[in-house]
C-alpha atoms as a PDB file:
ATOM      1  CA  MET A   1     -40.314   7.651 -37.671  1.00  0.00           C
ATOM      2  CA  ILE A   2     -43.397   6.122 -39.205  1.00  0.00           C
ATOM      3  CA  GLN A   3     -44.176   2.417 -37.872  1.00  0.00           C
ATOM      4  CA  GLU A   4     -45.624   0.067 -40.554  1.00  0.00           C
ATOM      5  CA  LYS A   5     -49.076  -1.255 -39.174  1.00  0.00           C
ATOM      6  CA  ILE A   6     -49.111  -5.154 -39.641  1.00  0.00           C
ATOM      7  CA  SER A   7     -52.411  -6.503 -40.634  1.00  0.00           C
ATOM      8  CA  PRO A   8     -53.980  -9.189 -38.652  1.00  0.00           C
ATOM      9  CA  LYS A   9     -53.797 -11.390 -41.594  1.00  0.00           C
ATOM     10  CA  VAL A  10     -49.974 -11.352 -41.531  1.00  0.00           C
ATOM     11  CA  ILE A  11     -49.960 -11.724 -37.771  1.00  0.00           C
ATOM     12  CA  GLU A  12     -52.022 -14.942 -37.989  1.00  0.00           C
ATOM     13  CA  MET A  13     -49.812 -16.330 -40.781  1.00  0.00           C
ATOM     14  CA  LYS A  14     -46.811 -15.842 -38.825  1.00  0.00           C
ATOM     15  CA  ARG A  15     -48.377 -17.402 -35.845  1.00  0.00           C
ATOM     16  CA  GLN A  16     -49.403 -20.516 -37.899  1.00  0.00           C
ATOM     17  CA  GLY A  17     -45.864 -20.579 -39.330  1.00  0.00           C
ATOM     18  CA  GLU A  18     -44.354 -20.587 -35.753  1.00  0.00           C
ATOM     19  CA  GLN A  19     -47.006 -23.321 -34.682  1.00  0.00           C
ATOM     20  CA  GLU A  20     -45.988 -25.453 -37.771  1.00  0.00           C
ATOM     21  CA  GLY A  21     -42.275 -25.126 -37.082  1.00  0.00           C
ATOM     22  CA  GLU A  22     -42.990 -26.163 -33.294  1.00  0.00           C
ATOM     23  CA  LYS A  23     -44.964 -29.008 -34.851  1.00  0.00           C
ATOM     24  CA  GLY A  24     -42.292 -29.914 -36.983  1.00  0.00           C
ATOM     25  CA  LYS A  25     -39.663 -30.142 -34.079  1.00  0.00           C
ATOM     26  CA  GLN A  26     -41.800 -32.249 -31.877  1.00  0.00           C
ATOM     27  CA  GLU A  27     -42.306 -34.591 -34.770  1.00  0.00           C
ATOM     28  CA  ILE A  28     -38.604 -35.148 -35.405  1.00  0.00           C
ATOM     29  CA  GLN A  29     -38.493 -35.654 -31.536  1.00  0.00           C
ATOM     30  CA  GLN A  30     -40.958 -38.374 -31.578  1.00  0.00           C
ATOM     31  CA  GLN A  31     -39.482 -39.977 -34.560  1.00  0.00           C
ATOM     32  CA  GLN A  32     -36.036 -39.934 -32.621  1.00  0.00           C
ATOM     33  CA  GLN A  33     -37.727 -41.345 -29.454  1.00  0.00           C
ATOM     34  CA  SER A  34     -39.299 -43.956 -31.551  1.00  0.00           C
ATOM     35  CA  SER A  35     -36.119 -45.119 -33.187  1.00  0.00           C
ATOM     36  CA  ALA A  36     -34.381 -45.036 -30.071  1.00  0.00           C
ATOM     37  CA  ALA A  37     -36.616 -47.212 -28.439  1.00  0.00           C
ATOM     38  CA  ALA A  38     -36.526 -49.604 -31.495  1.00  0.00           C
ATOM     39  CA  VAL A  39     -33.022 -49.843 -31.290  1.00  0.00           C
ATOM     40  CA  GLU A  40     -32.848 -50.574 -27.519  1.00  0.00           C
ATOM     41  CA  ARG A  41     -35.285 -53.500 -28.267  1.00  0.00           C
ATOM     42  CA  HIS A  42     -33.164 -54.872 -30.907  1.00  0.00           C
ATOM     43  CA  TYR A  43     -30.147 -55.184 -28.497  1.00  0.00           C
ATOM     44  CA  THR A  44     -31.842 -56.080 -25.265  1.00  0.00           C
ATOM     45  CA  ARG A  45     -31.567 -59.506 -24.148  1.00  0.00           C
ATOM     46  CA  ARG A  46     -33.123 -60.554 -20.855  1.00  0.00           C
ATOM     47  CA  ASP A  47     -30.907 -61.877 -18.161  1.00  0.00           C
ATOM     48  CA  LEU A  48     -27.848 -61.075 -19.991  1.00  0.00           C
ATOM     49  CA  GLU A  49     -25.420 -60.947 -17.237  1.00  0.00           C
ATOM     50  CA  ASN A  50     -26.431 -64.314 -15.960  1.00  0.00           C
ATOM     51  CA  THR A  51     -26.254 -65.628 -19.482  1.00  0.00           C
ATOM     52  CA  ILE A  52     -22.575 -64.231 -19.935  1.00  0.00           C
ATOM     53  CA  LEU A  53     -21.532 -65.642 -16.514  1.00  0.00           C
ATOM     54  CA  THR A  54     -22.830 -69.203 -17.188  1.00  0.00           C
ATOM     55  CA  ALA A  55     -21.050 -69.251 -20.335  1.00  0.00           C
ATOM     56  CA  LEU A  56     -17.734 -68.275 -18.728  1.00  0.00           C
ATOM     57  CA  ARG A  57     -18.264 -70.831 -16.069  1.00  0.00           C
ATOM     58  CA  ASN A  58     -18.856 -73.543 -18.497  1.00  0.00           C
ATOM     59  CA  ALA A  59     -15.743 -72.466 -20.416  1.00  0.00           C
ATOM     60  CA  GLY A  60     -13.878 -73.252 -17.103  1.00  0.00           C
ATOM     61  CA  LYS A  61     -13.473 -69.582 -16.067  1.00  0.00           C
ATOM     62  CA  ASN A  62     -13.406 -68.517 -12.402  1.00  0.00           C
ATOM     63  CA  ILE A  63     -16.244 -65.839 -12.390  1.00  0.00           C
ATOM     64  CA  ASP A  64     -15.001 -64.528  -8.978  1.00  0.00           C
ATOM     65  CA  GLN A  65     -11.263 -63.823 -10.415  1.00  0.00           C
ATOM     66  CA  LEU A  66     -12.158 -62.833 -13.939  1.00  0.00           C
ATOM     67  CA  THR A  67      -9.639 -60.929 -16.162  1.00  0.00           C
ATOM     68  CA  VAL A  68     -10.074 -58.421 -18.974  1.00  0.00           C
ATOM     69  CA  ASP A  69      -8.642 -61.246 -21.435  1.00  0.00           C
ATOM     70  CA  ASP A  70     -11.088 -63.771 -19.961  1.00  0.00           C
ATOM     71  CA  LEU A  71     -13.830 -61.529 -21.319  1.00  0.00           C
ATOM     72  CA  ALA A  72     -12.494 -60.561 -24.734  1.00  0.00           C
ATOM     73  CA  PRO A  73     -14.034 -63.153 -26.761  1.00  0.00           C
ATOM     74  CA  ILE A  74     -17.604 -62.042 -25.400  1.00  0.00           C
ATOM     75  CA  ASP A  75     -17.400 -58.340 -24.963  1.00  0.00           C
ATOM     76  CA  GLU A  76     -15.883 -56.944 -27.888  1.00  0.00           C
ATOM     77  CA  PHE A  77     -19.220 -56.459 -29.949  1.00  0.00           C
ATOM     78  CA  HIS A  78     -17.618 -55.386 -33.107  1.00  0.00           C
ATOM     79  CA  THR A  79     -15.885 -57.072 -36.181  1.00  0.00           C
ATOM     80  CA  ARG A  80     -12.357 -58.287 -35.527  1.00  0.00           C
ATOM     81  CA  GLY A  81     -12.977 -58.157 -31.731  1.00  0.00           C
ATOM     82  CA  ARG A  82      -9.959 -57.322 -29.615  1.00  0.00           C
ATOM     83  CA  GLU A  83      -7.705 -57.106 -32.465  1.00  0.00           C
ATOM     84  CA  ALA A  84      -9.726 -54.093 -33.798  1.00  0.00           C
ATOM     85  CA  THR A  85      -9.692 -52.310 -30.489  1.00  0.00           C
ATOM     86  CA  ALA A  86      -5.859 -52.761 -30.124  1.00  0.00           C
ATOM     87  CA  ASN A  87      -5.415 -51.821 -33.797  1.00  0.00           C
ATOM     88  CA  LEU A  88      -7.403 -48.359 -33.273  1.00  0.00           C
ATOM     89  CA  ALA A  89      -5.602 -47.664 -29.975  1.00  0.00           C
ATOM     90  CA  SER A  90      -2.408 -48.163 -31.548  1.00  0.00           C
ATOM     91  CA  LEU A  91      -3.210 -45.195 -34.099  1.00  0.00           C
ATOM     92  CA  LEU A  92      -3.712 -42.891 -31.188  1.00  0.00           C
ATOM     93  CA  ASN A  93      -0.133 -43.236 -30.375  1.00  0.00           C
ATOM     94  CA  ASN A  94       0.526 -41.097 -27.176  1.00  0.00           C
ATOM     95  CA  ASN A  95      -2.950 -40.069 -26.858  1.00  0.00           C
ATOM     96  CA  LEU A  96      -3.856 -42.560 -24.159  1.00  0.00           C
ATOM     97  CA  GLN A  97      -2.329 -41.866 -20.952  1.00  0.00           C
ATOM     98  CA  PRO A  98      -3.078 -42.450 -17.184  1.00  0.00           C
ATOM     99  CA  ASN A  99      -4.373 -38.917 -16.614  1.00  0.00           C
ATOM    100  CA  PHE A 100      -6.606 -38.715 -19.799  1.00  0.00           C
ATOM    101  CA  HIS A 101     -10.238 -39.365 -19.833  1.00  0.00           C
ATOM    102  CA  VAL A 102     -11.914 -41.113 -22.757  1.00  0.00           C
ATOM    103  CA  LEU A 103     -15.494 -41.116 -23.795  1.00  0.00           C
ATOM    104  CA  ASP A 104     -16.507 -44.598 -25.414  1.00  0.00           C
ATOM    105  CA  VAL A 105     -19.742 -43.730 -27.545  1.00  0.00           C
ATOM    106  CA  GLY A 106     -21.652 -46.856 -27.955  1.00  0.00           C
ATOM    107  CA  SER A 107     -19.686 -48.593 -25.233  1.00  0.00           C
ATOM    108  CA  GLY A 108     -21.970 -52.027 -25.301  1.00  0.00           C
ATOM    109  CA  ILE A 109     -21.156 -54.311 -22.403  1.00  0.00           C
ATOM    110  CA  GLY A 110     -17.796 -52.391 -21.942  1.00  0.00           C
ATOM    111  CA  GLY A 111     -15.149 -54.538 -23.743  1.00  0.00           C
ATOM    112  CA  PRO A 112     -13.059 -51.670 -25.392  1.00  0.00           C
ATOM    113  CA  SER A 113     -13.308 -49.362 -22.104  1.00  0.00           C
ATOM    114  CA  ARG A 114     -11.841 -52.288 -19.750  1.00  0.00           C
ATOM    115  CA  TYR A 115      -9.202 -52.709 -22.471  1.00  0.00           C
ATOM    116  CA  LEU A 116      -8.175 -49.078 -22.608  1.00  0.00           C
ATOM    117  CA  ALA A 117      -8.299 -48.832 -18.857  1.00  0.00           C
ATOM    118  CA  SER A 118      -6.182 -51.962 -18.188  1.00  0.00           C
ATOM    119  CA  ARG A 119      -3.644 -51.236 -20.828  1.00  0.00           C
ATOM    120  CA  PHE A 120      -3.012 -47.556 -20.590  1.00  0.00           C
ATOM    121  CA  GLY A 121      -4.489 -46.730 -17.300  1.00  0.00           C
ATOM    122  CA  CYS A 122      -7.006 -43.911 -18.452  1.00  0.00           C
ATOM    123  CA  ARG A 123     -10.463 -43.234 -17.331  1.00  0.00           C
ATOM    124  CA  VAL A 124     -12.966 -44.165 -19.512  1.00  0.00           C
ATOM    125  CA  THR A 125     -16.743 -43.172 -19.245  1.00  0.00           C
ATOM    126  CA  GLY A 126     -19.030 -45.438 -21.711  1.00  0.00           C
ATOM    127  CA  LEU A 127     -22.353 -44.101 -23.162  1.00  0.00           C
ATOM    128  CA  ASP A 128     -24.841 -46.541 -24.459  1.00  0.00           C
ATOM    129  CA  LEU A 129     -28.446 -46.344 -25.526  1.00  0.00           C
ATOM    130  CA  VAL A 130     -29.108 -49.673 -23.873  1.00  0.00           C
ATOM    131  CA  GLU A 131     -29.844 -50.013 -20.207  1.00  0.00           C
ATOM    132  CA  GLU A 132     -28.975 -53.564 -20.026  1.00  0.00           C
ATOM    133  CA  TYR A 133     -25.673 -53.069 -21.678  1.00  0.00           C
ATOM    134  CA  CYS A 134     -24.731 -50.471 -18.954  1.00  0.00           C
ATOM    135  CA  HIS A 135     -25.855 -52.596 -16.131  1.00  0.00           C
ATOM    136  CA  VAL A 136     -23.829 -55.447 -17.368  1.00  0.00           C
ATOM    137  CA  ALA A 137     -20.827 -53.046 -18.235  1.00  0.00           C
ATOM    138  CA  ASP A 138     -20.551 -51.892 -14.873  1.00  0.00           C
ATOM    139  CA  SER A 139     -20.877 -55.355 -13.011  1.00  0.00           C
ATOM    140  CA  LEU A 140     -18.262 -56.683 -15.339  1.00  0.00           C
ATOM    141  CA  ALA A 141     -15.899 -53.901 -14.572  1.00  0.00           C
ATOM    142  CA  LYS A 142     -16.354 -54.366 -10.712  1.00  0.00           C
ATOM    143  CA  ARG A 143     -15.566 -58.225 -11.433  1.00  0.00           C
ATOM    144  CA  VAL A 144     -12.155 -57.480 -13.073  1.00  0.00           C
ATOM    145  CA  LYS A 145     -11.550 -54.595 -10.416  1.00  0.00           C
ATOM    146  CA  LEU A 146     -11.385 -51.662 -12.706  1.00  0.00           C
ATOM    147  CA  ASP A 147     -14.497 -49.802 -11.442  1.00  0.00           C
ATOM    148  CA  ASN A 148     -12.279 -47.202 -10.188  1.00  0.00           C
ATOM    149  CA  LEU A 149     -11.457 -46.154 -13.730  1.00  0.00           C
ATOM    150  CA  LEU A 150     -14.603 -47.148 -15.540  1.00  0.00           C
ATOM    151  CA  THR A 151     -18.354 -45.502 -15.371  1.00  0.00           C
ATOM    152  CA  TYR A 152     -21.282 -46.241 -17.524  1.00  0.00           C
ATOM    153  CA  ARG A 153     -24.155 -44.117 -18.382  1.00  0.00           C
ATOM    154  CA  GLN A 154     -27.496 -44.679 -20.444  1.00  0.00           C
ATOM    155  CA  GLY A 155     -27.765 -41.982 -23.202  1.00  0.00           C
ATOM    156  CA  ASP A 156     -28.268 -40.531 -26.489  1.00  0.00           C
ATOM    157  CA  ALA A 157     -25.348 -40.183 -28.531  1.00  0.00           C
ATOM    158  CA  THR A 158     -26.923 -37.245 -30.461  1.00  0.00           C
ATOM    159  CA  HIS A 159     -27.401 -35.476 -27.131  1.00  0.00           C
ATOM    160  CA  ILE A 160     -24.122 -36.361 -25.230  1.00  0.00           C
ATOM    161  CA  PRO A 161     -24.973 -35.568 -21.511  1.00  0.00           C
ATOM    162  CA  PHE A 162     -21.575 -33.933 -20.639  1.00  0.00           C
ATOM    163  CA  GLU A 163     -20.134 -30.364 -20.704  1.00  0.00           C
ATOM    164  CA  ASP A 164     -18.155 -28.855 -23.605  1.00  0.00           C
ATOM    165  CA  ALA A 165     -14.324 -30.095 -23.956  1.00  0.00           C
ATOM    166  CA  THR A 166     -14.600 -32.591 -21.167  1.00  0.00           C
ATOM    167  CA  PHE A 167     -12.773 -35.552 -22.904  1.00  0.00           C
ATOM    168  CA  ASP A 168      -9.246 -35.910 -24.058  1.00  0.00           C
ATOM    169  CA  VAL A 169     -10.308 -38.769 -26.406  1.00  0.00           C
ATOM    170  CA  VAL A 170     -13.769 -39.488 -27.985  1.00  0.00           C
ATOM    171  CA  TRP A 171     -13.838 -43.445 -29.064  1.00  0.00           C
ATOM    172  CA  THR A 172     -16.462 -45.324 -30.931  1.00  0.00           C
ATOM    173  CA  GLN A 173     -16.713 -48.483 -32.572  1.00  0.00           C
ATOM    174  CA  HIS A 174     -19.565 -49.756 -34.730  1.00  0.00           C
ATOM    175  CA  ALA A 175     -22.166 -47.344 -33.064  1.00  0.00           C
ATOM    176  CA  SER A 176     -23.360 -45.086 -35.979  1.00  0.00           C
ATOM    177  CA  MET A 177     -25.170 -47.609 -38.119  1.00  0.00           C
ATOM    178  CA  ASN A 178     -28.206 -47.156 -35.915  1.00  0.00           C
ATOM    179  CA  ILE A 179     -28.189 -43.394 -35.930  1.00  0.00           C
ATOM    180  CA  ALA A 180     -29.714 -41.454 -38.631  1.00  0.00           C
ATOM    181  CA  TYR A 181     -28.712 -38.043 -37.571  1.00  0.00           C
ATOM    182  CA  LYS A 182     -24.767 -38.325 -38.418  1.00  0.00           C
ATOM    183  CA  LYS A 183     -24.292 -34.523 -38.471  1.00  0.00           C
ATOM    184  CA  ARG A 184     -25.586 -34.210 -35.001  1.00  0.00           C
ATOM    185  CA  LEU A 185     -23.794 -37.311 -33.819  1.00  0.00           C
ATOM    186  CA  TYR A 186     -20.415 -35.895 -35.023  1.00  0.00           C
ATOM    187  CA  SER A 187     -21.113 -32.453 -33.770  1.00  0.00           C
ATOM    188  CA  GLU A 188     -21.814 -33.705 -30.470  1.00  0.00           C
ATOM    189  CA  MET A 189     -18.547 -35.943 -30.301  1.00  0.00           C
ATOM    190  CA  HIS A 190     -16.614 -32.547 -31.599  1.00  0.00           C
ATOM    191  CA  ARG A 191     -18.267 -30.547 -28.960  1.00  0.00           C
ATOM    192  CA  VAL A 192     -17.386 -32.743 -25.858  1.00  0.00           C
ATOM    193  CA  VAL A 193     -13.595 -33.353 -26.804  1.00  0.00           C
ATOM    194  CA  LYS A 194     -11.013 -30.956 -25.771  1.00  0.00           C
ATOM    195  CA  SER A 195      -9.052 -28.788 -28.138  1.00  0.00           C
ATOM    196  CA  GLY A 196      -6.317 -30.889 -29.556  1.00  0.00           C
ATOM    197  CA  GLY A 197      -8.056 -33.981 -28.598  1.00  0.00           C
ATOM    198  CA  LYS A 198      -8.682 -36.829 -30.496  1.00  0.00           C
ATOM    199  CA  LEU A 199     -11.643 -39.024 -32.160  1.00  0.00           C
ATOM    200  CA  ALA A 200     -11.088 -42.604 -32.798  1.00  0.00           C
ATOM    201  CA  ILE A 201     -13.568 -44.107 -35.003  1.00  0.00           C
ATOM    202  CA  TYR A 202     -13.905 -47.697 -36.202  1.00  0.00           C
ATOM    203  CA  ASP A 203     -17.318 -48.281 -38.221  1.00  0.00           C
ATOM    204  CA  VAL A 204     -19.431 -49.838 -40.624  1.00  0.00           C
ATOM    205  CA  PHE A 205     -20.473 -47.812 -43.592  1.00  0.00           C
ATOM    206  CA  LYS A 206     -22.422 -48.019 -47.071  1.00  0.00           C
ATOM    207  CA  GLY A 207     -20.304 -49.884 -49.739  1.00  0.00           C
ATOM    208  CA  SER A 208     -19.222 -48.431 -52.946  1.00  0.00           C
ATOM    209  CA  SER A 209     -21.550 -50.858 -54.983  1.00  0.00           C
ATOM    210  CA  SER A 210     -24.590 -50.384 -52.859  1.00  0.00           C
ATOM    211  CA  ASP A 211     -26.048 -47.460 -55.028  1.00  0.00           C
ATOM    212  CA  ILE A 212     -26.397 -49.937 -57.988  1.00  0.00           C
ATOM    213  CA  ILE A 213     -27.097 -53.153 -56.744  1.00  0.00           C
ATOM    214  CA  ASP A 214     -30.743 -54.230 -57.499  1.00  0.00           C
ATOM    215  CA  GLY A 215     -31.398 -50.932 -58.646  1.00  0.00           C
ATOM    216  CA  SER A 216     -31.716 -49.766 -54.997  1.00  0.00           C
ATOM    217  CA  THR A 217     -29.933 -47.278 -52.799  1.00  0.00           C
ATOM    218  CA  SER A 218     -28.510 -48.777 -49.467  1.00  0.00           C
ATOM    219  CA  SER A 219     -29.804 -52.251 -50.485  1.00  0.00           C
ATOM    220  CA  ILE A 220     -28.219 -54.672 -47.964  1.00  0.00           C
ATOM    221  CA  HIS A 221     -29.173 -58.107 -46.880  1.00  0.00           C
ATOM    222  CA  PHE A 222     -30.953 -58.246 -43.663  1.00  0.00           C
ATOM    223  CA  PRO A 223     -30.819 -59.243 -40.759  1.00  0.00           C
ATOM    224  CA  VAL A 224     -27.327 -58.080 -39.801  1.00  0.00           C
ATOM    225  CA  PRO A 225     -25.944 -57.663 -36.311  1.00  0.00           C
ATOM    226  CA  TRP A 226     -27.020 -53.844 -35.706  1.00  0.00           C
ATOM    227  CA  ALA A 227     -30.389 -54.329 -37.308  1.00  0.00           C
ATOM    228  CA  SER A 228     -33.152 -57.048 -38.180  1.00  0.00           C
ATOM    229  CA  ASP A 229     -34.653 -54.748 -40.991  1.00  0.00           C
ATOM    230  CA  PRO A 230     -33.886 -51.370 -42.756  1.00  0.00           C
ATOM    231  CA  SER A 231     -35.957 -49.439 -40.251  1.00  0.00           C
ATOM    232  CA  ILE A 232     -32.939 -49.032 -37.761  1.00  0.00           C
ATOM    233  CA  SER A 233     -30.342 -49.256 -40.282  1.00  0.00           C
ATOM    234  CA  HIS A 234     -28.805 -45.917 -41.139  1.00  0.00           C
ATOM    235  CA  LEU A 235     -25.536 -46.202 -43.155  1.00  0.00           C
ATOM    236  CA  ILE A 236     -23.787 -43.607 -44.917  1.00  0.00           C
ATOM    237  CA  SER A 237     -20.489 -44.089 -47.365  1.00  0.00           C
ATOM    238  CA  ALA A 238     -17.001 -43.415 -45.883  1.00  0.00           C
ATOM    239  CA  GLU A 239     -16.517 -40.513 -47.999  1.00  0.00           C
ATOM    240  CA  GLU A 240     -19.736 -38.894 -46.852  1.00  0.00           C
ATOM    241  CA  ALA A 241     -18.652 -39.582 -43.161  1.00  0.00           C
ATOM    242  CA  ARG A 242     -15.179 -38.070 -43.669  1.00  0.00           C
ATOM    243  CA  LYS A 243     -16.680 -34.946 -45.494  1.00  0.00           C
ATOM    244  CA  LEU A 244     -19.231 -34.355 -42.546  1.00  0.00           C
ATOM    245  CA  LEU A 245     -16.406 -34.706 -39.894  1.00  0.00           C
ATOM    246  CA  LYS A 246     -13.773 -32.499 -41.715  1.00  0.00           C
ATOM    247  CA  ASP A 247     -15.727 -30.022 -43.806  1.00  0.00           C
ATOM    248  CA  VAL A 248     -18.853 -29.669 -41.853  1.00  0.00           C
ATOM    249  CA  VAL A 249     -18.104 -30.460 -38.241  1.00  0.00           C
ATOM    250  CA  GLY A 250     -14.534 -29.343 -38.251  1.00  0.00           C
ATOM    251  CA  PHE A 251     -12.371 -32.095 -37.120  1.00  0.00           C
ATOM    252  CA  LYS A 252      -8.917 -32.268 -38.836  1.00  0.00           C
ATOM    253  CA  GLU A 253      -8.414 -35.940 -40.430  1.00  0.00           C
ATOM    254  CA  VAL A 254      -5.049 -37.449 -38.836  1.00  0.00           C
ATOM    255  CA  ALA A 255      -5.454 -41.004 -40.375  1.00  0.00           C
ATOM    256  CA  TRP A 256      -8.014 -43.086 -42.494  1.00  0.00           C
ATOM    257  CA  GLU A 257      -7.861 -46.695 -43.243  1.00  0.00           C
ATOM    258  CA  ASP A 258     -10.291 -49.289 -45.115  1.00  0.00           C
ATOM    259  CA  LYS A 259     -10.428 -52.452 -43.140  1.00  0.00           C
ATOM    260  CA  THR A 260     -12.979 -54.299 -45.244  1.00  0.00           C
ATOM    261  CA  GLU A 261     -10.681 -56.951 -46.497  1.00  0.00           C
ATOM    262  CA  SER A 262      -9.461 -57.637 -42.835  1.00  0.00           C
ATOM    263  CA  VAL A 263     -12.936 -58.059 -41.692  1.00  0.00           C
ATOM    264  CA  ILE A 264     -13.790 -60.380 -44.619  1.00  0.00           C
ATOM    265  CA  ASP A 265     -10.849 -62.520 -43.545  1.00  0.00           C
ATOM    266  CA  TRP A 266     -11.943 -62.487 -39.869  1.00  0.00           C
ATOM    267  CA  ILE A 267     -15.276 -63.669 -40.499  1.00  0.00           C
ATOM    268  CA  LYS A 268     -14.094 -66.480 -42.915  1.00  0.00           C
ATOM    269  CA  GLN A 269     -11.844 -67.644 -40.139  1.00  0.00           C
ATOM    270  CA  MET A 270     -14.518 -67.631 -37.424  1.00  0.00           C
ATOM    271  CA  ILE A 271     -17.024 -69.393 -39.678  1.00  0.00           C
ATOM    272  CA  LYS A 272     -14.287 -71.956 -40.755  1.00  0.00           C
ATOM    273  CA  ARG A 273     -13.363 -72.645 -36.806  1.00  0.00           C
ATOM    274  CA  ALA A 274     -17.184 -73.172 -36.247  1.00  0.00           C
ATOM    275  CA  GLN A 275     -17.595 -75.737 -39.116  1.00  0.00           C
ATOM    276  CA  THR A 276     -14.383 -77.669 -37.866  1.00  0.00           C
ATOM    277  CA  SER A 277     -14.924 -77.677 -34.324  1.00  0.00           C
ATOM    278  CA  GLY A 278     -18.259 -76.157 -33.456  1.00  0.00           C
ATOM    279  CA  PRO A 279     -19.157 -72.895 -31.972  1.00  0.00           C
ATOM    280  CA  PRO A 280     -16.772 -71.849 -29.011  1.00  0.00           C
ATOM    281  CA  ARG A 281     -18.146 -71.938 -25.396  1.00  0.00           C
ATOM    282  CA  ILE A 282     -17.704 -68.188 -25.204  1.00  0.00           C
ATOM    283  CA  GLY A 283     -18.331 -65.997 -28.251  1.00  0.00           C
ATOM    284  CA  LEU A 284     -20.506 -63.075 -29.511  1.00  0.00           C
ATOM    285  CA  HIS A 285     -23.165 -65.719 -29.996  1.00  0.00           C
ATOM    286  CA  VAL A 286     -23.647 -65.842 -26.208  1.00  0.00           C
ATOM    287  CA  LEU A 287     -24.246 -62.212 -26.247  1.00  0.00           C
ATOM    288  CA  VAL A 288     -26.520 -62.041 -29.462  1.00  0.00           C
ATOM    289  CA  GLY A 289     -28.250 -65.403 -29.209  1.00  0.00           C
ATOM    290  CA  PRO A 290     -29.096 -68.125 -31.592  1.00  0.00           C
ATOM    291  CA  GLN A 291     -29.534 -65.997 -34.676  1.00  0.00           C
ATOM    292  CA  TRP A 292     -25.882 -65.267 -34.585  1.00  0.00           C
ATOM    293  CA  SER A 293     -24.655 -67.469 -37.391  1.00  0.00           C
ATOM    294  CA  ASP A 294     -27.400 -66.064 -39.736  1.00  0.00           C
ATOM    295  CA  LEU A 295     -26.229 -62.599 -38.992  1.00  0.00           C
ATOM    296  CA  VAL A 296     -22.665 -63.204 -39.603  1.00  0.00           C
ATOM    297  CA  LYS A 297     -23.598 -65.005 -42.886  1.00  0.00           C
ATOM    298  CA  ASN A 298     -25.468 -62.003 -44.048  1.00  0.00           C
ATOM    299  CA  LEU A 299     -22.482 -59.650 -42.836  1.00  0.00           C
ATOM    300  CA  LEU A 300     -20.292 -61.466 -44.970  1.00  0.00           C
ATOM    301  CA  LYS A 301     -22.299 -61.583 -48.040  1.00  0.00           C
ATOM    302  CA  ASN A 302     -22.864 -57.791 -47.716  1.00  0.00           C
ATOM    303  CA  LEU A 303     -19.172 -57.241 -47.448  1.00  0.00           C
ATOM    304  CA  GLU A 304     -18.238 -59.382 -50.340  1.00  0.00           C
ATOM    305  CA  GLU A 305     -20.638 -57.963 -52.749  1.00  0.00           C
ATOM    306  CA  GLY A 306     -19.555 -54.315 -51.787  1.00  0.00           C
ATOM    307  CA  ARG A 307     -22.799 -53.335 -50.023  1.00  0.00           C
ATOM    308  CA  ILE A 308     -20.966 -52.249 -46.909  1.00  0.00           C
ATOM    309  CA  ALA A 309     -17.472 -51.302 -46.011  1.00  0.00           C
ATOM    310  CA  VAL A 310     -15.448 -51.257 -42.788  1.00  0.00           C
ATOM    311  CA  ALA A 311     -13.013 -48.338 -41.876  1.00  0.00           C
ATOM    312  CA  GLN A 312     -11.397 -46.798 -39.097  1.00  0.00           C
ATOM    313  CA  GLY A 313     -10.016 -43.147 -38.641  1.00  0.00           C
ATOM    314  CA  ILE A 314      -8.195 -40.656 -36.262  1.00  0.00           C
ATOM    315  CA  PHE A 315      -9.465 -37.106 -36.233  1.00  0.00           C
ATOM    316  CA  GLU A 316      -8.306 -34.211 -34.237  1.00  0.00           C
ATOM    317  CA  ARG A 317     -10.309 -31.146 -32.758  1.00  0.00           C
ATOM    318  CA  SER A 318      -8.206 -27.932 -33.625  1.00  0.00           C
END
């Protein structure tokens, strides 16, 4: 057999191509790291635990005997609050049991995980990018005496730090809006859930009219609760998400519901209560800060103008 001699020029071109490919990977990693840092800065609030406990104490709560329900107004950081969490759980039917292990992706300060553990007795591991959120979630779990069922870990949802087929259920509420690499996110969720396991998702998506408003794509009013500007807001449409989950990643869709109108009603009721009797002593404004009212107004405007939408779904790994 005669071996074809490769010229030095071809070898050099191949070497340069490999270097450029490696450089491209490094640039993507750097972009991801930079974006993650920006997202964490957006959500981080100094002395958050003390701020929450002070608000609870001022509302007449005994912070040494707190219950999961005491925390609900402040720790369900997504539209429709506890109602949304209970509604999503109901779609899982019998897929939340005491011997099950749930991964909550984007667990925040732990509201949904505490609800699931207290209501169904299942173990829940929370994963969140924001270190302060994980610390507060862990502390509040101890205060409601659920730390035997709850664990929180800081981490990146596009590189979930767990083995394949670890969890019976993967749960996520309002987390993907800050994540640009949706395929990677959904693929990681698929990887860590067991065969026959479920993905429960409740999220914000690009609205049906966002492509034509102002002649701009993904044009929404900022700031919003998940982003102060477009640099850390990464929305796709509900249909794009469903296609990725089913046709690309490999999930089977079990249920899908648009919840946009329910969210609009919820926000309007919240604004009306605040106008009538002032902001409640405990609520998401305590978690987010004084800019909360402006964020809510923009959120409502985006929803009403069709720039964003909210939906939930259940998917199964075959």
